[in-house]
Every structure is written in C-alpha cells, then in structure tokens.
Amino acid sequence: MSEARSAQTAPFSADTKAAVIRYQVRDVERAIAFYTEHLGFESKQRFGPVFATVSRGDLHLLLSGPDSSGSRPMPDGRRQEPGGWNRIVLYVDDLDVTVAALRSAGTAFRNQVEVGPGGRQIQVEDPDGNPIELHEAPR
C-alpha cells in the first residue's frame, strides 16, 4: 500500500455514534505521511502542525501532536506520549451530564475537562486503568 493518497476528501465530522482512535505523535506531518503513504489512509482534516485526522474506511484516526489540546499534561504532571496514552474516543452529546453520571458511579478520571478548537474532552479509566476519552464536539 505505498500509493500516496494526498487528495483531500470531505472533512471528518464526528457524531455521538462514532468511536475514533487518538494517537499521540511527535510529528503530525510525519505521521500523516506514514498513514497515507504506507497504510492506505486518506487525509481528512488538518489543524496546522498540531492535529490531523486520517481515515481508512470507517476508521478515523486522530493524530495529536505535542501542542494539541488532546496532548496536554495531566494535573499531576504526567505527559501524554506516544504508546502510553493512545485511547478510544467516544463522542457524547453533553459532556457535563456524562461526567456527572460517571463521577457518581465512582469512575476514575485522569484529568479535568480540556477545551480546544475541536471541542471539550476528558479522560476516564476503565476498571483496569485503560484510558477512554469522552469528547463533546463544538456546538
């Protein structure tokens, strides 16, 4: 699959039925090139050098560079790095309502709500400590 897919197609737009994957990357441009040139992904969105979305079929991969809102350090100082902070992303209609319900159920949260140009997000942990990002798209 070495054929480059450089043509921009319709931008990715998430809804509450979509689940996407976020990967922390050190270099967004390099990551886009790898996924589009070697794995058959198409470039869907770019937000400068900090964030991109690439897609292959129904799989949408969010590529978060070190300066993106989805890569900010945790309140305890831990840094999100490639390999250790990859997670599924679930889109929700109302992040505040969802967070309140999870808090009352005793769910562990890794951080507080972060806000960026792509919306609002927070990370929770499953019972085994695996991260899940809950994301509310901009209104």
Protein backbone atom coordinates (compact mmCIF):
# COMPACT_ATOMS: atom_id res chain seq x y z
CA MET A 1 0.00 0.00 0.00
CA SER A 2 2.64 2.50 -0.93
CA GLU A 3 0.39 4.60 -3.16
CA ALA A 4 0.13 8.10 -1.70
CA ARG A 5 -3.35 9.38 -1.08
CA SER A 6 -2.87 13.12 -0.98
CA ALA A 7 -6.21 14.35 -2.28
CA GLN A 8 -8.31 15.98 0.43
CA THR A 9 -11.75 14.48 0.74
CA ALA A 10 -14.73 15.68 2.75
CA PRO A 11 -13.67 16.67 6.28
CA PHE A 12 -14.37 14.24 9.09
CA SER A 13 -17.31 15.20 11.27
CA ALA A 14 -17.99 13.09 14.37
CA ASP A 15 -21.32 12.35 15.97
CA THR A 16 -22.37 10.54 19.13
CA LYS A 17 -22.48 7.18 17.35
CA ALA A 18 -18.85 7.44 16.20
CA ALA A 19 -15.92 5.98 18.12
CA VAL A 20 -12.48 7.05 16.88
CA ILE A 21 -8.90 6.39 17.97
CA ARG A 22 -6.48 9.11 19.11
CA TYR A 23 -2.73 8.53 18.78
CA GLN A 24 -0.16 10.80 20.35
CA VAL A 25 2.54 11.57 17.77
CA ARG A 26 5.75 13.57 17.92
CA ASP A 27 5.45 14.94 14.36
CA VAL A 28 1.99 15.28 12.78
CA GLU A 29 3.34 15.73 9.24
CA ARG A 30 5.47 12.60 9.52
CA ALA A 31 2.52 10.64 10.91
CA ILE A 32 0.21 11.78 8.10
CA ALA A 33 2.79 10.72 5.54
CA PHE A 34 3.20 7.31 7.15
CA TYR A 35 -0.52 6.52 7.34
CA THR A 36 -1.39 7.90 3.89
CA GLU A 37 1.65 6.60 2.03
CA HIS A 38 2.00 3.21 3.66
CA LEU A 39 -1.33 2.14 5.12
CA GLY A 40 -3.95 3.44 2.69
CA PHE A 41 -5.40 6.21 4.87
CA GLU A 42 -6.78 9.46 3.44
CA SER A 43 -6.07 12.86 4.96
CA LYS A 44 -9.38 14.28 6.20
CA GLN A 45 -8.54 17.29 8.39
CA ARG A 46 -5.58 19.45 9.36
CA PHE A 47 -5.29 21.97 12.14
CA GLY A 48 -1.83 23.33 11.45
CA PRO A 49 1.12 21.34 12.76
CA VAL A 50 -0.66 20.20 15.94
CA PHE A 51 -3.53 17.95 14.83
CA ALA A 52 -4.87 15.94 11.91
CA THR A 53 -7.48 13.30 11.14
CA VAL A 54 -6.76 10.47 8.72
CA SER A 55 -9.32 7.85 7.74
CA ARG A 56 -9.43 4.42 6.22
CA GLY A 57 -12.95 3.22 5.61
CA ASP A 58 -14.90 3.76 8.82
CA LEU A 59 -11.75 4.08 10.95
CA HIS A 60 -10.89 7.67 11.83
CA LEU A 61 -7.52 8.18 13.46
CA LEU A 62 -6.86 11.43 15.31
CA LEU A 63 -3.18 12.36 15.22
CA SER A 64 -2.38 14.68 18.13
CA GLY A 65 0.95 16.46 18.12
CA PRO A 66 2.64 17.61 21.33
CA ASP A 67 0.97 21.06 21.24
CA SER A 68 -2.63 19.91 20.66
CA SER A 69 -5.30 20.27 23.35
CA GLY A 70 -5.66 16.47 23.37
CA SER A 71 -1.99 16.13 24.38
CA ARG A 72 -1.78 18.48 27.35
CA PRO A 73 -0.11 17.23 30.55
CA MET A 74 -2.25 15.73 33.29
CA PRO A 75 -2.79 17.69 36.52
CA ASP A 76 -0.16 15.56 38.27
CA GLY A 77 2.45 16.47 35.65
CA ARG A 78 2.40 13.22 33.66
CA ARG A 79 2.99 13.82 29.94
CA GLN A 80 0.95 12.12 27.25
CA GLU A 81 3.39 10.36 24.96
CA PRO A 82 3.14 8.01 22.01
CA GLY A 83 2.49 4.44 23.02
CA GLY A 84 1.19 5.07 26.50
CA TRP A 85 -1.70 7.45 26.04
CA ASN A 86 -3.43 6.01 22.99
CA ARG A 87 -7.13 5.63 23.64
CA ILE A 88 -10.53 5.21 22.16
CA VAL A 89 -12.54 8.40 21.82
CA LEU A 90 -16.27 8.32 22.37
CA TYR A 91 -18.31 11.32 21.31
CA VAL A 92 -21.09 12.37 23.68
CA ASP A 93 -23.93 14.89 23.35
CA ASP A 94 -23.40 16.57 26.74
CA LEU A 95 -20.02 16.13 28.40
CA ASP A 96 -21.09 17.68 31.71
CA VAL A 97 -24.03 15.28 32.13
CA THR A 98 -21.88 12.29 31.19
CA VAL A 99 -19.07 13.29 33.58
CA ALA A 100 -21.56 13.76 36.44
CA ALA A 101 -23.06 10.31 35.87
CA LEU A 102 -19.61 8.67 35.75
CA ARG A 103 -18.43 10.50 38.87
CA SER A 104 -21.48 9.29 40.79
CA ALA A 105 -20.66 5.74 39.63
CA GLY A 106 -17.14 6.02 41.08
CA THR A 107 -15.27 6.16 37.76
CA ALA A 108 -11.63 7.26 37.93
CA PHE A 109 -10.77 10.39 35.93
CA ARG A 110 -7.26 11.14 34.68
CA ASN A 111 -7.78 14.89 34.25
CA GLN A 112 -10.27 17.72 34.19
CA VAL A 113 -12.20 18.83 31.11
CA GLU A 114 -9.86 20.30 28.49
CA VAL A 115 -11.14 22.77 25.90
CA GLY A 116 -9.67 23.29 22.44
CA PRO A 117 -10.78 24.25 18.95
CA GLY A 118 -12.11 20.73 18.35
CA GLY A 119 -14.38 20.73 21.39
CA ARG A 120 -14.20 19.61 25.02
CA GLN A 121 -12.68 16.38 26.31
CA ILE A 122 -11.83 14.46 29.45
CA GLN A 123 -10.12 11.13 30.09
CA VAL A 124 -11.57 8.37 32.26
CA GLU A 125 -10.17 4.95 33.09
CA ASP A 126 -11.87 1.62 32.70
CA PRO A 127 -11.66 -0.76 35.69
CA ASP A 128 -8.23 -1.94 34.52
CA GLY A 129 -6.82 1.56 34.05
CA ASN A 130 -7.18 1.75 30.27
CA PRO A 131 -7.89 5.29 29.08
CA ILE A 132 -11.07 6.36 27.34
CA GLU A 133 -11.58 9.91 26.12
CA LEU A 134 -15.06 11.39 26.23
CA HIS A 135 -15.37 14.20 23.71
CA GLU A 136 -18.05 16.79 23.04
CA ALA A 137 -17.78 18.38 19.61
CA PRO A 138 -18.09 22.16 19.32
CA ARG A 139 -21.68 23.38 19.22
